[in-house]
Amino acid sequence: GGFKTLSVGIIAPYRRGNMEHGRPMQSLGLTAQLEAEWRRAGLSFRVMLVGESGLGKSTFTRALFRPFVPDNELSANDAGAKEALRARTTEIREVVFTVENDGFPIEFSVVDCPGYGDSVDSTEWIDSIVGDITRRFASHYDSNHASGASVGNGLQRDGMVHACLYFIAAHRLKGADIEFMKRLQPYVNIVPVIAKSDTMTVGERDAFRRLILSELKAARVSMFELAPPPAVASPPSSARGAASKKGAPTPPPSPPSRAPLGEFGERILSSVIPPPSAPPPKPPAASSTPAQRGAALAHGNTSPPPFAVCASEDGTRVYPWGVACAEDPTHSDLSTLRAMLFAGSMLSAKRATLGLYEQAYARRRAADERSQQEREARALSRQVFAAKTIAAVITLGVAVGLAASAAPAAAATVVAHAQSAASAAGTAALRAASTGATALAQAARKRIAAKS
């Protein structure tokens, strides 16, 4: 008469003509519902900027989001003035941008932290940042465990920090940077960024990258690995098969492309670097001149991480010897970082954040709450026991008084009730007190009988 549990296997993705089980598998038809749910709920992604003061973290924020957010919104989201945006950050503040991505609303939040050079004691600085992250953990825990709270998709909206861009000054990696990243590692996904990388030569940048990686490895500091953005999908195998059947040549696979720059990046590049009028020269041979070999090494021989970035308000940094373009991947990793962080790793960063939240906060707090509930239950039990004890003692005292003055029959009845109350308390001490009170009551009855 009860319900029965039916165990089924995981339903494989729908593929037309799937005959793995001897018959074609059908789709559940949930695509429209899933898309509608994601369009309704949207997605939130929160980035925290941490590092030494004076590295241009606020300028980097505007450069990072400028392809997606109009300039007036970049200013309006922070006190409504560009002067306020360009001022040095002196307290933790959060700026929110809402972006529409093919009908899916995405809420980007940037938590801009003051640099540790702005405070005398750097320990208090890192404590304030860790405290901000843990407060967000606590708020997420409370919202998920509140009475009547609806359980939603953990990858959609939450108030936690999903990625921490830790800015390292060019040419100098301080011991404080390593220690601070070790402190932040259990709580947030760390992505190291070399700020103002246009102040280094290509060789210096490569050497500094190797130094940072070796120091982080020696200190056992783990970086969050960003994935490249998905490449443009190639024609499906069925289409290629049909083309081959018709006698058409099979198109060769396209080589992987660079990180997409978008309309903004391409516009900046075209304004700084004119389109080539001739095909690029071939790589120089081994017997080429030193100048040719130097030109061949202009791009360097390392790749991020760490991401070496430069940023400015208009996308370029002009020097007497040339122009550095923040959107040019050969000048700065800004466009690469943007593509890998948003297009390649947004959901994986949110999944990793949920894991850090469980390990660093949720499990410990759940254990503490269970211990607290057990302590409260024991305290309540002690209070109930004490109340029973006091009631039994009072009852015994009344019984003794009545036994000394009342008639023997009435005294015997009261003593019987006192013994019953003492026995209900269930302790040897109270039973002993009951026996003593009974003896006193009996002595009182004998005295009353003798007088009568």
Protein backbone atom coordinates (compact mmCIF):
# COMPACT_ATOMS: atom_id res chain seq x y z
CA GLY A 1 0.00 0.00 0.00
CA GLY A 2 3.01 2.33 0.30
CA PHE A 3 4.98 4.14 -2.35
CA LYS A 4 7.73 2.29 -4.16
CA THR A 5 11.03 3.79 -5.24
CA LEU A 6 11.94 3.38 -8.88
CA SER A 7 15.65 3.52 -9.62
CA VAL A 8 16.58 4.72 -13.09
CA GLY A 9 19.86 5.47 -14.78
CA ILE A 10 21.06 8.91 -15.82
CA ILE A 11 19.27 9.98 -18.96
CA ALA A 12 21.76 10.45 -21.76
CA PRO A 13 21.70 13.69 -23.78
CA TYR A 14 19.25 13.49 -26.62
CA ARG A 15 20.77 12.58 -29.92
CA ARG A 16 18.62 11.94 -32.95
CA GLY A 17 18.73 8.29 -33.84
CA ASN A 18 20.43 7.24 -30.60
CA MET A 19 20.21 3.45 -30.69
CA GLU A 20 22.40 2.62 -27.70
CA HIS A 21 19.56 0.77 -25.98
CA GLY A 22 18.05 -0.79 -29.07
CA ARG A 23 15.56 2.01 -29.71
CA PRO A 24 15.76 5.77 -30.33
CA MET A 25 15.86 7.92 -27.19
CA GLN A 26 13.53 10.91 -27.00
CA SER A 27 14.12 14.35 -25.54
CA LEU A 28 12.36 15.49 -22.37
CA GLY A 29 11.59 18.81 -24.03
CA LEU A 30 12.92 20.89 -21.14
CA THR A 31 15.03 23.30 -23.18
CA ALA A 32 12.41 26.05 -23.29
CA GLN A 33 11.73 25.77 -19.55
CA LEU A 34 15.43 25.87 -18.68
CA GLU A 35 16.04 28.89 -20.89
CA ALA A 36 13.02 30.65 -19.42
CA GLU A 37 14.24 29.99 -15.88
CA TRP A 38 17.72 31.33 -16.59
CA ARG A 39 16.30 34.36 -18.36
CA ARG A 40 14.04 35.04 -15.39
CA ALA A 41 16.56 34.52 -12.61
CA GLY A 42 19.63 35.76 -14.43
CA LEU A 43 23.20 35.34 -13.22
CA SER A 44 25.41 37.22 -10.80
CA PHE A 45 29.20 37.36 -10.82
CA ARG A 46 31.32 39.21 -8.28
CA VAL A 47 34.98 40.16 -8.71
CA MET A 48 37.17 41.50 -5.90
CA LEU A 49 40.21 43.69 -6.61
CA VAL A 50 43.00 43.37 -4.03
CA GLY A 51 46.60 44.55 -3.92
CA GLU A 52 48.97 47.37 -3.16
CA SER A 53 47.69 50.92 -3.46
CA GLY A 54 48.48 53.01 -6.52
CA LEU A 55 48.33 50.16 -9.05
CA GLY A 56 45.32 51.47 -10.97
CA LYS A 57 42.75 48.92 -9.80
CA SER A 58 39.84 51.35 -10.23
CA THR A 59 41.04 52.30 -13.73
CA PHE A 60 41.34 48.60 -14.53
CA THR A 61 37.70 48.10 -13.51
CA ARG A 62 36.49 50.61 -16.06
CA ALA A 63 38.75 49.15 -18.74
CA LEU A 64 37.53 45.63 -17.98
CA PHE A 65 33.85 46.48 -18.34
CA ARG A 66 33.99 49.30 -20.89
CA PRO A 67 33.15 46.99 -23.86
CA PHE A 68 29.90 46.00 -22.15
CA VAL A 69 28.83 49.04 -20.11
CA PRO A 70 28.23 52.59 -21.43
CA ASP A 71 30.50 55.29 -20.05
CA ASN A 72 27.61 57.11 -18.36
CA GLU A 73 26.72 53.95 -16.43
CA LEU A 74 30.36 53.44 -15.44
CA SER A 75 30.21 56.88 -13.85
CA ALA A 76 26.64 56.69 -12.54
CA ASN A 77 27.33 53.50 -10.59
CA ASP A 78 29.87 55.27 -8.44
CA ALA A 79 28.61 58.56 -7.01
CA GLY A 80 27.73 59.80 -10.50
CA ALA A 81 31.04 61.49 -11.21
CA LYS A 82 34.20 60.49 -13.03
CA GLU A 83 36.24 62.37 -10.46
CA ALA A 84 34.96 60.02 -7.79
CA LEU A 85 35.80 57.03 -9.94
CA ARG A 86 39.35 58.23 -10.44
CA ALA A 87 39.99 58.99 -6.79
CA ARG A 88 42.04 56.60 -4.66
CA THR A 89 39.99 53.92 -2.93
CA THR A 90 40.08 54.29 0.85
CA GLU A 91 37.39 51.81 1.88
CA ILE A 92 35.81 48.62 0.58
CA ARG A 93 33.11 49.60 -1.87
CA GLU A 94 31.02 47.67 -4.36
CA VAL A 95 29.95 48.79 -7.82
CA VAL A 96 27.21 46.94 -9.71
CA PHE A 97 26.78 46.76 -13.49
CA THR A 98 23.83 45.08 -15.21
CA VAL A 99 24.60 43.58 -18.61
CA GLU A 100 22.19 41.97 -21.06
CA ASN A 101 23.77 38.95 -22.74
CA ASP A 102 21.56 37.58 -25.53
CA GLY A 103 18.46 37.97 -23.38
CA PHE A 104 20.07 36.64 -20.19
CA PRO A 105 20.47 39.34 -17.51
CA ILE A 106 23.88 39.27 -15.83
CA GLU A 107 24.68 41.34 -12.76
CA PHE A 108 28.38 42.09 -12.45
CA SER A 109 29.65 43.39 -9.11
CA VAL A 110 33.12 44.75 -8.50
CA VAL A 111 34.36 44.90 -4.90
CA ASP A 112 37.15 47.47 -4.94
CA CYS A 113 39.36 47.18 -1.85
CA PRO A 114 41.78 49.82 -0.59
CA GLY A 115 45.45 49.05 -1.14
CA TYR A 116 47.50 47.81 1.78
CA GLY A 117 49.81 50.80 1.42
CA ASP A 118 46.98 53.06 2.68
CA SER A 119 47.06 51.60 6.22
CA VAL A 120 49.85 51.53 8.78
CA ASP A 121 49.21 47.93 9.85
CA SER A 122 48.81 45.63 6.88
CA THR A 123 47.47 42.85 9.12
CA GLU A 124 44.35 44.87 9.83
CA TRP A 125 44.01 45.47 6.11
CA ILE A 126 43.96 41.79 5.16
CA ASP A 127 41.76 40.99 8.19
CA SER A 128 39.17 43.46 6.91
CA ILE A 129 39.13 41.82 3.47
CA VAL A 130 38.87 38.29 4.89
CA GLY A 131 36.14 39.55 7.21
CA ASP A 132 34.20 40.97 4.25
CA ILE A 133 34.37 37.62 2.44
CA THR A 134 33.28 35.64 5.52
CA ARG A 135 30.39 38.06 6.13
CA ARG A 136 29.22 37.29 2.62
CA PHE A 137 29.52 33.58 3.44
CA ALA A 138 27.40 34.14 6.55
CA SER A 139 24.75 36.04 4.60
CA HIS A 140 24.60 33.26 2.00
CA TYR A 141 24.30 30.64 4.76
CA ASP A 142 21.51 32.55 6.50
CA SER A 143 19.56 33.04 3.29
CA ASN A 144 19.79 29.33 2.42
CA HIS A 145 18.84 28.14 5.92
CA ALA A 146 16.17 30.72 6.69
CA SER A 147 12.71 29.41 7.50
CA GLY A 148 10.70 29.15 4.31
CA ALA A 149 13.60 30.07 2.06
CA SER A 150 13.31 28.69 -1.45
CA VAL A 151 16.20 26.55 -2.66
CA GLY A 152 17.33 27.84 -6.04
CA ASN A 153 20.12 27.15 -8.46
CA GLY A 154 23.42 27.79 -6.70
CA LEU A 155 24.99 28.90 -9.97
CA GLN A 156 22.57 31.76 -10.50
CA ARG A 157 22.50 34.54 -7.91
CA ASP A 158 24.36 34.77 -4.64
CA GLY A 159 26.25 37.41 -2.69
CA MET A 160 29.65 35.71 -2.52
CA VAL A 161 32.93 36.73 -4.17
CA HIS A 162 33.67 34.47 -7.12
CA ALA A 163 37.10 35.68 -8.20
CA CYS A 164 39.83 37.77 -6.57
CA LEU A 165 42.14 39.61 -8.93
CA TYR A 166 45.29 40.13 -6.85
CA PHE A 167 47.36 42.98 -8.31
CA ILE A 168 51.13 42.73 -8.07
CA ALA A 169 53.30 45.75 -8.80
CA ALA A 170 55.56 45.45 -11.81
CA HIS A 171 59.21 44.64 -11.02
CA ARG A 172 58.56 43.93 -7.32
CA LEU A 173 56.97 40.92 -5.65
CA LYS A 174 56.78 41.58 -1.94
CA GLY A 175 56.69 39.04 0.85
CA ALA A 176 53.46 40.69 2.00
CA ASP A 177 51.85 39.77 -1.34
CA ILE A 178 52.67 36.09 -0.82
CA GLU A 179 51.41 36.13 2.77
CA PHE A 180 48.19 37.91 1.83
CA MET A 181 47.47 35.46 -0.98
CA LYS A 182 48.02 32.60 1.47
CA ARG A 183 45.47 34.21 3.80
CA LEU A 184 42.93 34.66 1.00
CA GLN A 185 43.42 31.24 -0.60
CA PRO A 186 40.95 29.28 1.61
CA TYR A 187 38.16 31.78 0.96
CA VAL A 188 38.28 32.93 -2.66
CA ASN A 189 39.57 32.00 -6.12
CA ILE A 190 42.82 33.93 -6.64
CA VAL A 191 43.90 35.18 -10.07
CA PRO A 192 47.28 37.02 -9.96
CA VAL A 193 47.60 40.10 -12.16
CA ILE A 194 50.73 42.10 -12.94
CA ALA A 195 49.69 45.76 -12.91
CA LYS A 196 51.16 48.43 -15.18
CA SER A 197 52.99 45.82 -17.21
CA ASP A 198 53.74 48.40 -19.92
CA THR A 199 56.56 49.65 -17.68
CA MET A 200 58.46 46.38 -18.31
CA THR A 201 60.23 45.09 -21.35
CA VAL A 202 59.11 41.79 -22.81
CA GLY A 203 62.09 40.03 -21.26
CA GLU A 204 61.43 41.57 -17.87
CA ARG A 205 57.79 40.55 -18.08
CA ASP A 206 58.68 36.94 -18.89
CA ALA A 207 61.24 36.76 -16.08
CA PHE A 208 58.78 38.31 -13.62
CA ARG A 209 56.11 35.80 -14.58
CA ARG A 210 58.49 32.93 -13.87
CA LEU A 211 59.47 34.49 -10.55
CA ILE A 212 55.87 34.86 -9.42
CA LEU A 213 55.02 31.28 -10.40
CA SER A 214 58.04 29.87 -8.58
CA GLU A 215 57.38 31.90 -5.42
CA LEU A 216 53.71 30.90 -5.35
CA LYS A 217 54.64 27.25 -5.83
CA ALA A 218 57.21 27.42 -3.04
CA ALA A 219 54.64 29.02 -0.71
CA ARG A 220 51.98 26.46 -1.78
CA VAL A 221 49.62 29.14 -2.98
CA SER A 222 47.16 27.77 -5.52
CA MET A 223 45.88 29.95 -8.35
CA PHE A 224 42.48 29.56 -9.92
CA GLU A 225 43.09 28.38 -13.46
CA LEU A 226 41.01 30.26 -15.99
CA ALA A 227 39.84 28.31 -19.03
CA PRO A 228 40.05 29.74 -22.54
CA PRO A 229 36.77 30.85 -24.09
CA PRO A 230 35.00 28.24 -26.20
CA ALA A 231 36.13 28.26 -29.79
CA VAL A 232 33.74 28.69 -32.68
CA ALA A 233 31.98 25.39 -33.20
CA SER A 234 33.05 23.43 -36.23
CA PRO A 235 30.49 21.88 -38.59
CA PRO A 236 28.90 18.78 -37.08
CA SER A 237 30.19 15.38 -38.07
CA SER A 238 26.92 14.58 -39.84
CA ALA A 239 27.31 17.63 -42.09
CA ARG A 240 30.89 16.69 -42.89
CA GLY A 241 29.76 13.15 -43.67
CA ALA A 242 27.02 14.41 -45.98
CA ALA A 243 29.48 16.66 -47.76
CA SER A 244 31.89 13.78 -48.29
CA LYS A 245 29.09 11.62 -49.68
CA LYS A 246 28.25 14.30 -52.22
CA GLY A 247 31.85 14.38 -53.35
CA ALA A 248 32.60 17.78 -51.82
CA PRO A 249 36.01 18.08 -50.13
CA THR A 250 36.01 17.98 -46.36
CA PRO A 251 36.95 21.40 -44.98
CA PRO A 252 40.14 21.35 -42.91
CA PRO A 253 39.81 22.12 -39.20
CA SER A 254 40.32 25.79 -38.44
CA PRO A 255 43.25 26.72 -36.18
CA PRO A 256 42.49 28.06 -32.73
CA SER A 257 41.93 31.80 -32.70
CA ARG A 258 43.07 34.42 -30.24
CA ALA A 259 40.85 35.70 -27.48
CA PRO A 260 37.99 37.71 -28.99
CA LEU A 261 38.53 41.44 -28.71
CA GLY A 262 35.00 42.52 -29.47
CA GLU A 263 33.92 45.67 -31.26
CA PHE A 264 35.50 47.95 -28.67
CA GLY A 265 38.89 46.26 -28.79
CA GLU A 266 38.97 46.10 -32.57
CA ARG A 267 38.07 49.79 -32.76
CA ILE A 268 40.90 50.70 -30.39
CA LEU A 269 43.35 48.55 -32.30
CA SER A 270 42.36 49.99 -35.68
CA SER A 271 42.79 53.54 -34.38
CA VAL A 272 46.29 52.83 -33.10
CA ILE A 273 47.65 50.17 -35.45
CA PRO A 274 46.75 50.64 -39.13
CA PRO A 275 45.76 47.52 -41.07
CA PRO A 276 48.73 45.88 -42.79
CA SER A 277 49.07 46.59 -46.50
CA ALA A 278 51.21 43.52 -47.04
CA PRO A 279 51.25 40.04 -45.54
CA PRO A 280 53.32 39.73 -42.37
CA PRO A 281 56.96 38.77 -42.89
CA LYS A 282 58.07 35.22 -42.32
CA PRO A 283 59.94 34.39 -39.11
CA PRO A 284 63.65 35.18 -39.51
CA ALA A 285 66.07 32.35 -40.06
CA ALA A 286 68.73 31.43 -37.56
CA SER A 287 71.31 33.42 -39.53
CA SER A 288 69.30 36.66 -39.43
CA THR A 289 70.51 39.88 -37.91
CA PRO A 290 70.19 40.65 -34.16
CA ALA A 291 67.53 43.23 -34.95
CA GLN A 292 65.46 40.63 -36.79
CA ARG A 293 65.87 38.12 -33.98
CA GLY A 294 64.81 40.79 -31.48
CA ALA A 295 61.70 41.53 -33.52
CA ALA A 296 60.86 37.82 -33.56
CA LEU A 297 61.01 37.72 -29.74
CA ALA A 298 58.84 40.82 -29.34
CA HIS A 299 55.91 38.73 -28.21
CA GLY A 300 57.90 36.94 -25.50
CA ASN A 301 57.99 33.26 -24.67
CA THR A 302 55.62 33.06 -21.70
CA SER A 303 51.85 33.17 -21.41
CA PRO A 304 49.48 33.96 -18.56
CA PRO A 305 49.01 33.38 -15.71
CA PRO A 306 49.93 35.76 -14.21
CA PHE A 307 48.12 38.19 -16.47
CA ALA A 308 50.27 41.20 -17.35
CA VAL A 309 47.87 44.08 -17.95
CA CYS A 310 47.88 47.80 -18.55
CA ALA A 311 44.80 50.00 -18.60
CA SER A 312 43.81 53.60 -19.27
CA GLU A 313 40.67 55.65 -19.67
CA ASP A 314 40.79 55.69 -23.49
CA GLY A 315 42.44 52.29 -24.01
CA THR A 316 45.89 53.61 -24.95
CA ARG A 317 49.04 54.74 -23.16
CA VAL A 318 51.16 57.13 -25.22
CA TYR A 319 54.93 57.31 -24.76
CA PRO A 320 57.61 59.22 -26.71
CA TRP A 321 58.74 55.93 -28.25
CA GLY A 322 55.31 54.54 -29.13
CA VAL A 323 51.77 53.71 -28.07
CA ALA A 324 50.72 50.84 -25.82
CA CYS A 325 47.21 49.59 -26.55
CA ALA A 326 45.46 47.97 -23.60
CA GLU A 327 43.28 45.87 -25.93
CA ASP A 328 46.16 44.53 -28.02
CA PRO A 329 47.09 41.03 -26.78
CA THR A 330 50.72 41.68 -27.75
CA HIS A 331 50.79 44.74 -25.46
CA SER A 332 48.52 43.68 -22.59
CA ASP A 333 46.65 40.59 -21.37
CA LEU A 334 43.53 42.67 -20.62
CA SER A 335 41.45 41.25 -23.49
CA THR A 336 42.72 37.72 -22.76
CA LEU A 337 41.82 38.04 -19.08
CA ARG A 338 38.37 39.41 -19.94
CA ALA A 339 37.62 36.58 -22.34
CA MET A 340 38.94 33.82 -20.06
CA LEU A 341 37.27 35.21 -16.92
CA PHE A 342 33.84 35.88 -18.39
CA ALA A 343 33.40 33.72 -21.50
CA GLY A 344 35.53 30.80 -20.34
CA SER A 345 35.38 30.47 -16.56
CA MET A 346 32.40 32.29 -15.06
CA LEU A 347 30.36 29.21 -14.13
CA SER A 348 33.41 27.18 -13.09
CA ALA A 349 34.45 30.02 -10.79
CA LYS A 350 31.00 30.01 -9.19
CA ARG A 351 31.19 26.24 -8.69
CA ALA A 352 34.62 26.56 -7.11
CA THR A 353 33.29 29.33 -4.84
CA LEU A 354 30.53 27.03 -3.59
CA GLY A 355 33.21 24.46 -2.72
CA LEU A 356 35.29 27.03 -0.83
CA TYR A 357 32.15 28.20 0.98
CA GLU A 358 31.40 24.65 2.11
CA GLN A 359 34.95 23.94 3.26
CA ALA A 360 35.81 27.27 4.86
CA TYR A 361 32.48 28.23 6.40
CA ALA A 362 29.32 26.15 5.94
CA ARG A 363 30.58 22.85 7.40
CA ARG A 364 32.20 24.50 10.38
CA ARG A 365 29.16 26.63 11.12
CA ALA A 366 26.81 23.65 10.78
CA ALA A 367 29.00 21.71 13.24
CA ASP A 368 29.02 24.67 15.63
CA GLU A 369 25.25 24.94 15.43
CA ARG A 370 24.85 21.24 16.19
CA SER A 371 27.17 21.56 19.18
CA GLN A 372 25.25 24.62 20.34
CA GLN A 373 21.94 22.76 20.05
CA GLU A 374 23.36 19.86 22.08
CA ARG A 375 24.62 22.24 24.76
CA GLU A 376 21.24 23.98 24.90
CA ALA A 377 19.47 20.61 25.17
CA ARG A 378 21.72 19.59 28.07
CA ALA A 379 21.18 22.95 29.77
CA LEU A 380 17.42 22.60 29.36
CA SER A 381 17.56 19.10 30.82
CA ARG A 382 19.47 20.44 33.83
CA GLN A 383 16.89 23.20 34.27
CA VAL A 384 14.02 20.70 34.19
CA PHE A 385 15.83 18.50 36.70
CA ALA A 386 16.44 21.46 39.00
CA ALA A 387 12.77 22.45 38.79
CA LYS A 388 11.69 18.93 39.67
CA THR A 389 14.13 18.87 42.57
CA ILE A 390 12.89 22.14 44.00
CA ALA A 391 9.27 21.03 43.64
CA ALA A 392 9.99 17.71 45.38
CA VAL A 393 11.84 19.36 48.27
CA ILE A 394 9.05 21.89 48.77
CA THR A 395 6.49 19.08 48.74
CA LEU A 396 8.47 17.12 51.33
CA GLY A 397 8.75 20.15 53.57
CA VAL A 398 5.01 20.74 53.42
CA ALA A 399 4.41 17.07 54.14
CA VAL A 400 6.58 17.17 57.27
CA GLY A 401 4.81 20.27 58.55
CA LEU A 402 1.38 18.84 57.97
CA ALA A 403 2.36 15.51 59.53
CA ALA A 404 3.41 17.28 62.72
CA SER A 405 0.13 19.12 63.12
CA ALA A 406 -2.59 17.32 61.28
CA ALA A 407 -4.45 14.16 62.12
CA PRO A 408 -2.56 10.92 61.52
CA ALA A 409 -4.80 9.90 58.60
CA ALA A 410 -4.31 13.22 56.82
CA ALA A 411 -0.57 13.14 57.52
CA ALA A 412 -0.27 9.68 56.03
CA THR A 413 -2.01 10.83 52.83
CA VAL A 414 0.26 13.87 52.47
CA VAL A 415 3.36 11.76 53.10
CA ALA A 416 2.25 9.33 50.41
CA HIS A 417 1.92 12.19 47.91
CA ALA A 418 5.35 13.50 48.92
CA GLN A 419 6.91 10.08 48.39
CA SER A 420 5.31 9.85 44.96
CA ALA A 421 6.62 13.30 43.94
CA ALA A 422 10.08 12.46 45.20
CA SER A 423 10.09 9.17 43.35
CA ALA A 424 9.08 10.98 40.13
CA ALA A 425 12.21 13.11 40.40
CA GLY A 426 14.08 9.85 39.95
CA THR A 427 17.24 10.47 41.97
CA ALA A 428 18.78 8.61 44.89
CA ALA A 429 19.23 11.85 46.82
CA LEU A 430 15.53 12.69 46.64
CA ARG A 431 14.56 9.18 47.55
CA ALA A 432 16.78 9.44 50.61
CA ALA A 433 15.16 12.76 51.46
CA SER A 434 11.75 11.12 51.06
CA THR A 435 12.73 8.35 53.46
CA GLY A 436 13.92 10.87 56.03
CA ALA A 437 10.75 12.93 55.68
CA THR A 438 8.65 9.81 56.06
CA ALA A 439 10.47 8.93 59.29
CA LEU A 440 9.87 12.43 60.63
CA ALA A 441 6.21 12.23 59.69
CA GLN A 442 5.84 8.88 61.42
CA ALA A 443 7.50 10.27 64.58
CA ALA A 444 5.09 13.19 64.47
CA ARG A 445 2.12 10.82 64.19
CA LYS A 446 3.36 8.85 67.21
CA ARG A 447 3.58 12.04 69.25
CA ILE A 448 0.09 13.05 68.22
CA ALA A 449 -1.22 9.58 69.09
CA ALA A 450 0.46 9.67 72.47
CA LYS A 451 -1.12 13.03 73.31
CA SER A 452 -4.53 11.78 72.33
